[in-house]
Amino acid sequence: MLARKTSARPAWPVWLPLSLLAALVMGAASALWAPPPSAALPVRQQTIPAMVVLDVTKALVSPAAPRVGDLLTYQVTLRNVYQSPVTTITSARDTFDPSCLAFHSSTPPGSNDGQGHITWGDLTVPLGDIPTGGSIVVTVRFTALAACAPTTNSFWLLGMYADGVMAPGSGSVDVAIQPAAPVTATYTPVHTATATFT
């Protein structure tokens, strides 16, 4: 008579090490929640354009070597180097040292606050829109009040393009003002005639 084959069953409950139990639970959770390869989230790529700025150049046109009492003429050139025309300039401001210069006039006319600032409204109204590659010019004139070491005269603006992009721009120039030319007195001898009566 053959002996019956029996299998040994482990006694319950089975005690497992805590580290092994944690590994089993984490593995099961990963299997349940891991998305299939086909369900990978799409990657969205976006190109961020470089910052757009208006090209602003400021220069002293005349005189080349200003002295106290001279009329100084500055020109500010605003050039559009972007792909869309400039249709609005929301703010424009010229800053100068009022201890060295006194505002005389500007083209287009600006507003002087008496504290070293000239401001304008929308410069495209009197000067027109600025097409791509085009430019407009603002002229500012000052009277030299006192001798000054190089003093900075700057211009700042904020413009808007037709496509809605906002762009700042700024430019400056340093100018030294020399003392007034010395006054030289010239004496001219006066010849007098002596009359002789006989």
C-alpha atoms as a PDB file:
ATOM      1  CA  MET A   1       0.000   0.000   0.000  1.00  0.00           C
ATOM      2  CA  LEU A   2       1.377   3.334  -1.115  1.00  0.00           C
ATOM      3  CA  ALA A   3       1.810   6.053   1.412  1.00  0.00           C
ATOM      4  CA  ARG A   4      -0.363   9.113   0.861  1.00  0.00           C
ATOM      5  CA  LYS A   5       1.610  12.147  -0.157  1.00  0.00           C
ATOM      6  CA  THR A   6       0.775  15.141   1.919  1.00  0.00           C
ATOM      7  CA  SER A   7       1.993  18.750   1.646  1.00  0.00           C
ATOM      8  CA  ALA A   8       2.989  20.698   4.656  1.00  0.00           C
ATOM      9  CA  ARG A   9       1.023  23.865   5.196  1.00  0.00           C
ATOM     10  CA  PRO A  10       2.544  26.786   7.050  1.00  0.00           C
ATOM     11  CA  ALA A  11       0.959  27.685  10.262  1.00  0.00           C
ATOM     12  CA  TRP A  12      -1.064  30.903  10.189  1.00  0.00           C
ATOM     13  CA  PRO A  13      -0.544  33.701  10.793  1.00  0.00           C
ATOM     14  CA  VAL A  14       2.733  34.027   8.902  1.00  0.00           C
ATOM     15  CA  TRP A  15       5.023  36.668  10.349  1.00  0.00           C
ATOM     16  CA  LEU A  16       7.057  38.616   7.742  1.00  0.00           C
ATOM     17  CA  PRO A  17       9.805  41.119   8.360  1.00  0.00           C
ATOM     18  CA  LEU A  18       8.488  44.691   8.260  1.00  0.00           C
ATOM     19  CA  SER A  19      10.918  45.733   5.495  1.00  0.00           C
ATOM     20  CA  LEU A  20       9.753  42.850   3.268  1.00  0.00           C
ATOM     21  CA  LEU A  21       6.106  43.678   3.880  1.00  0.00           C
ATOM     22  CA  ALA A  22       6.665  47.346   2.971  1.00  0.00           C
ATOM     23  CA  ALA A  23       8.449  46.362  -0.246  1.00  0.00           C
ATOM     24  CA  LEU A  24       5.554  44.099  -1.261  1.00  0.00           C
ATOM     25  CA  VAL A  25       2.990  46.842  -0.619  1.00  0.00           C
ATOM     26  CA  MET A  26       4.949  49.489  -2.559  1.00  0.00           C
ATOM     27  CA  GLY A  27       5.515  47.144  -5.468  1.00  0.00           C
ATOM     28  CA  ALA A  28       1.811  46.386  -5.705  1.00  0.00           C
ATOM     29  CA  ALA A  29       0.918  50.084  -5.570  1.00  0.00           C
ATOM     30  CA  SER A  30       3.384  50.896  -8.335  1.00  0.00           C
ATOM     31  CA  ALA A  31       1.946  48.166 -10.529  1.00  0.00           C
ATOM     32  CA  LEU A  32      -1.594  49.443  -9.974  1.00  0.00           C
ATOM     33  CA  TRP A  33      -0.921  53.155 -10.554  1.00  0.00           C
ATOM     34  CA  ALA A  34       1.840  53.207 -13.167  1.00  0.00           C
ATOM     35  CA  PRO A  35       0.368  54.433 -16.505  1.00  0.00           C
ATOM     36  CA  PRO A  36       1.013  52.323 -19.581  1.00  0.00           C
ATOM     37  CA  PRO A  37       3.743  53.574 -21.958  1.00  0.00           C
ATOM     38  CA  SER A  38       1.119  54.684 -24.469  1.00  0.00           C
ATOM     39  CA  ALA A  39      -0.453  56.995 -21.882  1.00  0.00           C
ATOM     40  CA  ALA A  40       2.640  59.194 -21.485  1.00  0.00           C
ATOM     41  CA  LEU A  41       1.751  62.875 -21.115  1.00  0.00           C
ATOM     42  CA  PRO A  42       2.537  65.010 -24.187  1.00  0.00           C
ATOM     43  CA  VAL A  43       5.350  67.557 -23.863  1.00  0.00           C
ATOM     44  CA  ARG A  44       4.346  71.090 -24.879  1.00  0.00           C
ATOM     45  CA  GLN A  45       7.127  73.239 -26.248  1.00  0.00           C
ATOM     46  CA  GLN A  46       6.877  77.025 -26.332  1.00  0.00           C
ATOM     47  CA  THR A  47       9.367  79.443 -27.798  1.00  0.00           C
ATOM     48  CA  ILE A  48       9.791  82.601 -25.718  1.00  0.00           C
ATOM     49  CA  PRO A  49      10.980  85.535 -27.877  1.00  0.00           C
ATOM     50  CA  ALA A  50      13.928  87.645 -26.799  1.00  0.00           C
ATOM     51  CA  MET A  51      13.099  90.944 -25.117  1.00  0.00           C
ATOM     52  CA  VAL A  52      12.125  93.601 -27.630  1.00  0.00           C
ATOM     53  CA  VAL A  53      13.510  97.114 -27.207  1.00  0.00           C
ATOM     54  CA  LEU A  54      13.335 100.341 -29.191  1.00  0.00           C
ATOM     55  CA  ASP A  55      16.703 101.569 -30.420  1.00  0.00           C
ATOM     56  CA  VAL A  56      17.247 105.049 -28.941  1.00  0.00           C
ATOM     57  CA  THR A  57      20.267 107.230 -29.770  1.00  0.00           C
ATOM     58  CA  LYS A  58      20.839 110.655 -28.207  1.00  0.00           C
ATOM     59  CA  ALA A  59      23.530 113.049 -29.393  1.00  0.00           C
ATOM     60  CA  LEU A  60      24.602 116.670 -28.965  1.00  0.00           C
ATOM     61  CA  VAL A  61      24.280 118.299 -32.380  1.00  0.00           C
ATOM     62  CA  SER A  62      25.679 121.729 -31.528  1.00  0.00           C
ATOM     63  CA  PRO A  63      27.865 123.314 -30.366  1.00  0.00           C
ATOM     64  CA  ALA A  64      30.751 120.869 -30.349  1.00  0.00           C
ATOM     65  CA  ALA A  65      32.301 122.404 -27.196  1.00  0.00           C
ATOM     66  CA  PRO A  66      29.509 124.199 -25.315  1.00  0.00           C
ATOM     67  CA  ARG A  67      30.192 127.099 -22.977  1.00  0.00           C
ATOM     68  CA  VAL A  68      28.077 128.908 -20.433  1.00  0.00           C
ATOM     69  CA  GLY A  69      25.461 130.967 -22.256  1.00  0.00           C
ATOM     70  CA  ASP A  70      25.403 128.745 -25.362  1.00  0.00           C
ATOM     71  CA  LEU A  71      22.250 127.164 -26.780  1.00  0.00           C
ATOM     72  CA  LEU A  72      22.698 123.377 -26.826  1.00  0.00           C
ATOM     73  CA  THR A  73      20.750 121.303 -29.351  1.00  0.00           C
ATOM     74  CA  TYR A  74      20.227 117.577 -28.752  1.00  0.00           C
ATOM     75  CA  GLN A  75      18.687 115.106 -31.185  1.00  0.00           C
ATOM     76  CA  VAL A  76      17.031 111.864 -30.095  1.00  0.00           C
ATOM     77  CA  THR A  77      16.571 109.236 -32.817  1.00  0.00           C
ATOM     78  CA  LEU A  78      14.021 106.474 -32.197  1.00  0.00           C
ATOM     79  CA  ARG A  79      14.575 103.537 -34.558  1.00  0.00           C
ATOM     80  CA  ASN A  80      12.301 100.516 -34.960  1.00  0.00           C
ATOM     81  CA  VAL A  81      14.288  97.275 -35.319  1.00  0.00           C
ATOM     82  CA  TYR A  82      11.292  94.976 -34.703  1.00  0.00           C
ATOM     83  CA  GLN A  83       9.110  93.133 -37.221  1.00  0.00           C
ATOM     84  CA  SER A  84       6.003  95.193 -36.464  1.00  0.00           C
ATOM     85  CA  PRO A  85       5.439  98.971 -36.718  1.00  0.00           C
ATOM     86  CA  VAL A  86       5.365 101.147 -33.605  1.00  0.00           C
ATOM     87  CA  THR A  87       1.857 102.567 -33.378  1.00  0.00           C
ATOM     88  CA  THR A  88       1.878 104.120 -29.896  1.00  0.00           C
ATOM     89  CA  ILE A  89       4.421 105.651 -27.530  1.00  0.00           C
ATOM     90  CA  THR A  90       2.705 105.582 -24.174  1.00  0.00           C
ATOM     91  CA  SER A  91       5.356 107.596 -22.324  1.00  0.00           C
ATOM     92  CA  ALA A  92       8.461 109.625 -23.199  1.00  0.00           C
ATOM     93  CA  ARG A  93      10.740 111.571 -20.852  1.00  0.00           C
ATOM     94  CA  ASP A  94      13.964 113.567 -21.144  1.00  0.00           C
ATOM     95  CA  THR A  95      16.042 114.004 -17.964  1.00  0.00           C
ATOM     96  CA  PHE A  96      18.695 116.712 -17.469  1.00  0.00           C
ATOM     97  CA  ASP A  97      20.583 118.497 -14.688  1.00  0.00           C
ATOM     98  CA  PRO A  98      18.739 121.772 -13.968  1.00  0.00           C
ATOM     99  CA  SER A  99      21.794 123.191 -12.215  1.00  0.00           C
ATOM    100  CA  CYS A 100      23.676 123.050 -15.523  1.00  0.00           C
ATOM    101  CA  LEU A 101      20.957 123.469 -18.141  1.00  0.00           C
ATOM    102  CA  ALA A 102      17.729 125.403 -18.575  1.00  0.00           C
ATOM    103  CA  PHE A 103      15.083 124.024 -20.934  1.00  0.00           C
ATOM    104  CA  HIS A 104      14.637 126.245 -23.984  1.00  0.00           C
ATOM    105  CA  SER A 105      12.322 124.402 -26.412  1.00  0.00           C
ATOM    106  CA  SER A 106      11.690 121.102 -28.154  1.00  0.00           C
ATOM    107  CA  THR A 107      10.279 119.663 -31.368  1.00  0.00           C
ATOM    108  CA  PRO A 108       7.635 118.302 -30.929  1.00  0.00           C
ATOM    109  CA  PRO A 109       6.754 120.557 -27.983  1.00  0.00           C
ATOM    110  CA  GLY A 110       7.216 118.943 -24.561  1.00  0.00           C
ATOM    111  CA  SER A 111       6.171 119.819 -21.029  1.00  0.00           C
ATOM    112  CA  ASN A 112       8.810 121.068 -18.546  1.00  0.00           C
ATOM    113  CA  ASP A 113       8.146 120.226 -14.883  1.00  0.00           C
ATOM    114  CA  GLY A 114      10.865 122.594 -13.617  1.00  0.00           C
ATOM    115  CA  GLN A 115      12.662 119.715 -11.874  1.00  0.00           C
ATOM    116  CA  GLY A 116      14.839 118.479 -14.733  1.00  0.00           C
ATOM    117  CA  HIS A 117      12.266 116.508 -16.733  1.00  0.00           C
ATOM    118  CA  ILE A 118      10.646 117.101 -20.111  1.00  0.00           C
ATOM    119  CA  THR A 119       7.694 114.840 -20.914  1.00  0.00           C
ATOM    120  CA  TRP A 120       5.662 114.112 -24.027  1.00  0.00           C
ATOM    121  CA  GLY A 121       2.446 112.316 -24.800  1.00  0.00           C
ATOM    122  CA  ASP A 122       2.190 109.889 -27.695  1.00  0.00           C
ATOM    123  CA  LEU A 123       4.975 110.971 -30.070  1.00  0.00           C
ATOM    124  CA  THR A 124       3.405 109.012 -32.934  1.00  0.00           C
ATOM    125  CA  VAL A 125       0.586 111.584 -33.026  1.00  0.00           C
ATOM    126  CA  PRO A 126       2.750 114.479 -34.326  1.00  0.00           C
ATOM    127  CA  LEU A 127       5.490 112.329 -35.910  1.00  0.00           C
ATOM    128  CA  GLY A 128       3.576 109.294 -37.221  1.00  0.00           C
ATOM    129  CA  ASP A 129       3.977 105.550 -36.720  1.00  0.00           C
ATOM    130  CA  ILE A 130       7.470 104.062 -36.973  1.00  0.00           C
ATOM    131  CA  PRO A 131       7.618 101.291 -39.606  1.00  0.00           C
ATOM    132  CA  THR A 132      10.062  98.418 -39.391  1.00  0.00           C
ATOM    133  CA  GLY A 133      13.493  99.873 -40.145  1.00  0.00           C
ATOM    134  CA  GLY A 134      12.166 103.431 -39.883  1.00  0.00           C
ATOM    135  CA  SER A 135      12.854 106.178 -37.360  1.00  0.00           C
ATOM    136  CA  ILE A 136      11.610 109.475 -35.954  1.00  0.00           C
ATOM    137  CA  VAL A 137      13.602 112.347 -34.418  1.00  0.00           C
ATOM    138  CA  VAL A 138      12.917 114.447 -31.326  1.00  0.00           C
ATOM    139  CA  THR A 139      14.917 117.681 -30.917  1.00  0.00           C
ATOM    140  CA  VAL A 140      15.510 119.221 -27.478  1.00  0.00           C
ATOM    141  CA  ARG A 141      17.246 122.574 -26.808  1.00  0.00           C
ATOM    142  CA  PHE A 142      18.786 123.889 -23.594  1.00  0.00           C
ATOM    143  CA  THR A 143      20.643 127.001 -22.459  1.00  0.00           C
ATOM    144  CA  ALA A 144      23.895 126.344 -20.571  1.00  0.00           C
ATOM    145  CA  LEU A 145      23.629 127.941 -17.125  1.00  0.00           C
ATOM    146  CA  ALA A 146      26.907 127.019 -15.457  1.00  0.00           C
ATOM    147  CA  ALA A 147      30.193 125.268 -16.042  1.00  0.00           C
ATOM    148  CA  CYS A 148      29.746 121.550 -15.331  1.00  0.00           C
ATOM    149  CA  ALA A 149      31.831 118.422 -15.479  1.00  0.00           C
ATOM    150  CA  PRO A 150      30.350 115.868 -17.895  1.00  0.00           C
ATOM    151  CA  THR A 151      26.636 115.925 -17.124  1.00  0.00           C
ATOM    152  CA  THR A 152      24.314 113.161 -18.310  1.00  0.00           C
ATOM    153  CA  ASN A 153      21.322 113.999 -20.465  1.00  0.00           C
ATOM    154  CA  SER A 154      19.079 110.969 -20.989  1.00  0.00           C
ATOM    155  CA  PHE A 155      15.908 110.000 -22.820  1.00  0.00           C
ATOM    156  CA  TRP A 156      13.497 107.172 -21.931  1.00  0.00           C
ATOM    157  CA  LEU A 157      10.298 105.917 -23.542  1.00  0.00           C
ATOM    158  CA  LEU A 158       7.830 103.042 -23.627  1.00  0.00           C
ATOM    159  CA  GLY A 159       6.355 102.090 -26.984  1.00  0.00           C
ATOM    160  CA  MET A 160       3.759  99.645 -28.277  1.00  0.00           C
ATOM    161  CA  TYR A 161       3.895  97.726 -31.550  1.00  0.00           C
ATOM    162  CA  ALA A 162       0.945  96.923 -33.781  1.00  0.00           C
ATOM    163  CA  ASP A 163       1.021  93.289 -32.622  1.00  0.00           C
ATOM    164  CA  GLY A 164       0.569  94.352 -28.977  1.00  0.00           C
ATOM    165  CA  VAL A 165       4.177  93.905 -27.846  1.00  0.00           C
ATOM    166  CA  MET A 166       5.381  96.574 -25.398  1.00  0.00           C
ATOM    167  CA  ALA A 167       8.983  97.761 -25.699  1.00  0.00           C
ATOM    168  CA  PRO A 168      11.093 100.185 -23.643  1.00  0.00           C
ATOM    169  CA  GLY A 169      13.965 102.228 -25.016  1.00  0.00           C
ATOM    170  CA  SER A 170      16.595 104.587 -23.622  1.00  0.00           C
ATOM    171  CA  GLY A 171      19.661 106.539 -24.634  1.00  0.00           C
ATOM    172  CA  SER A 172      21.964 109.103 -23.027  1.00  0.00           C
ATOM    173  CA  VAL A 173      24.905 111.371 -23.705  1.00  0.00           C
ATOM    174  CA  ASP A 174      27.452 113.004 -21.369  1.00  0.00           C
ATOM    175  CA  VAL A 175      28.394 116.613 -22.125  1.00  0.00           C
ATOM    176  CA  ALA A 176      30.840 118.928 -20.334  1.00  0.00           C
ATOM    177  CA  ILE A 177      30.058 122.646 -20.228  1.00  0.00           C
ATOM    178  CA  GLN A 178      33.018 124.999 -20.175  1.00  0.00           C
ATOM    179  CA  PRO A 179      33.082 128.442 -18.548  1.00  0.00           C
ATOM    180  CA  ALA A 180      32.083 131.366 -20.687  1.00  0.00           C
ATOM    181  CA  ALA A 181      34.767 132.691 -22.994  1.00  0.00           C
ATOM    182  CA  PRO A 182      36.799 135.396 -21.258  1.00  0.00           C
ATOM    183  CA  VAL A 183      36.085 138.941 -22.306  1.00  0.00           C
ATOM    184  CA  THR A 184      39.172 140.667 -23.676  1.00  0.00           C
ATOM    185  CA  ALA A 185      39.219 144.439 -23.627  1.00  0.00           C
ATOM    186  CA  THR A 186      40.771 146.078 -26.668  1.00  0.00           C
ATOM    187  CA  TYR A 187      42.037 149.638 -26.414  1.00  0.00           C
ATOM    188  CA  THR A 188      42.200 151.712 -29.518  1.00  0.00           C
ATOM    189  CA  PRO A 189      44.414 154.785 -29.304  1.00  0.00           C
ATOM    190  CA  VAL A 190      42.727 158.035 -30.223  1.00  0.00           C
ATOM    191  CA  HIS A 191      44.748 160.491 -32.213  1.00  0.00           C
ATOM    192  CA  THR A 192      44.116 164.087 -31.336  1.00  0.00           C
ATOM    193  CA  ALA A 193      45.041 166.985 -33.520  1.00  0.00           C
ATOM    194  CA  THR A 194      46.545 170.111 -32.058  1.00  0.00           C
ATOM    195  CA  ALA A 195      45.502 173.324 -33.709  1.00  0.00           C
ATOM    196  CA  THR A 196      48.115 176.089 -33.943  1.00  0.00           C
ATOM    197  CA  PHE A 197      46.923 179.638 -34.354  1.00  0.00           C
ATOM    198  CA  THR A 198      49.243 182.260 -35.846  1.00  0.00           C
END
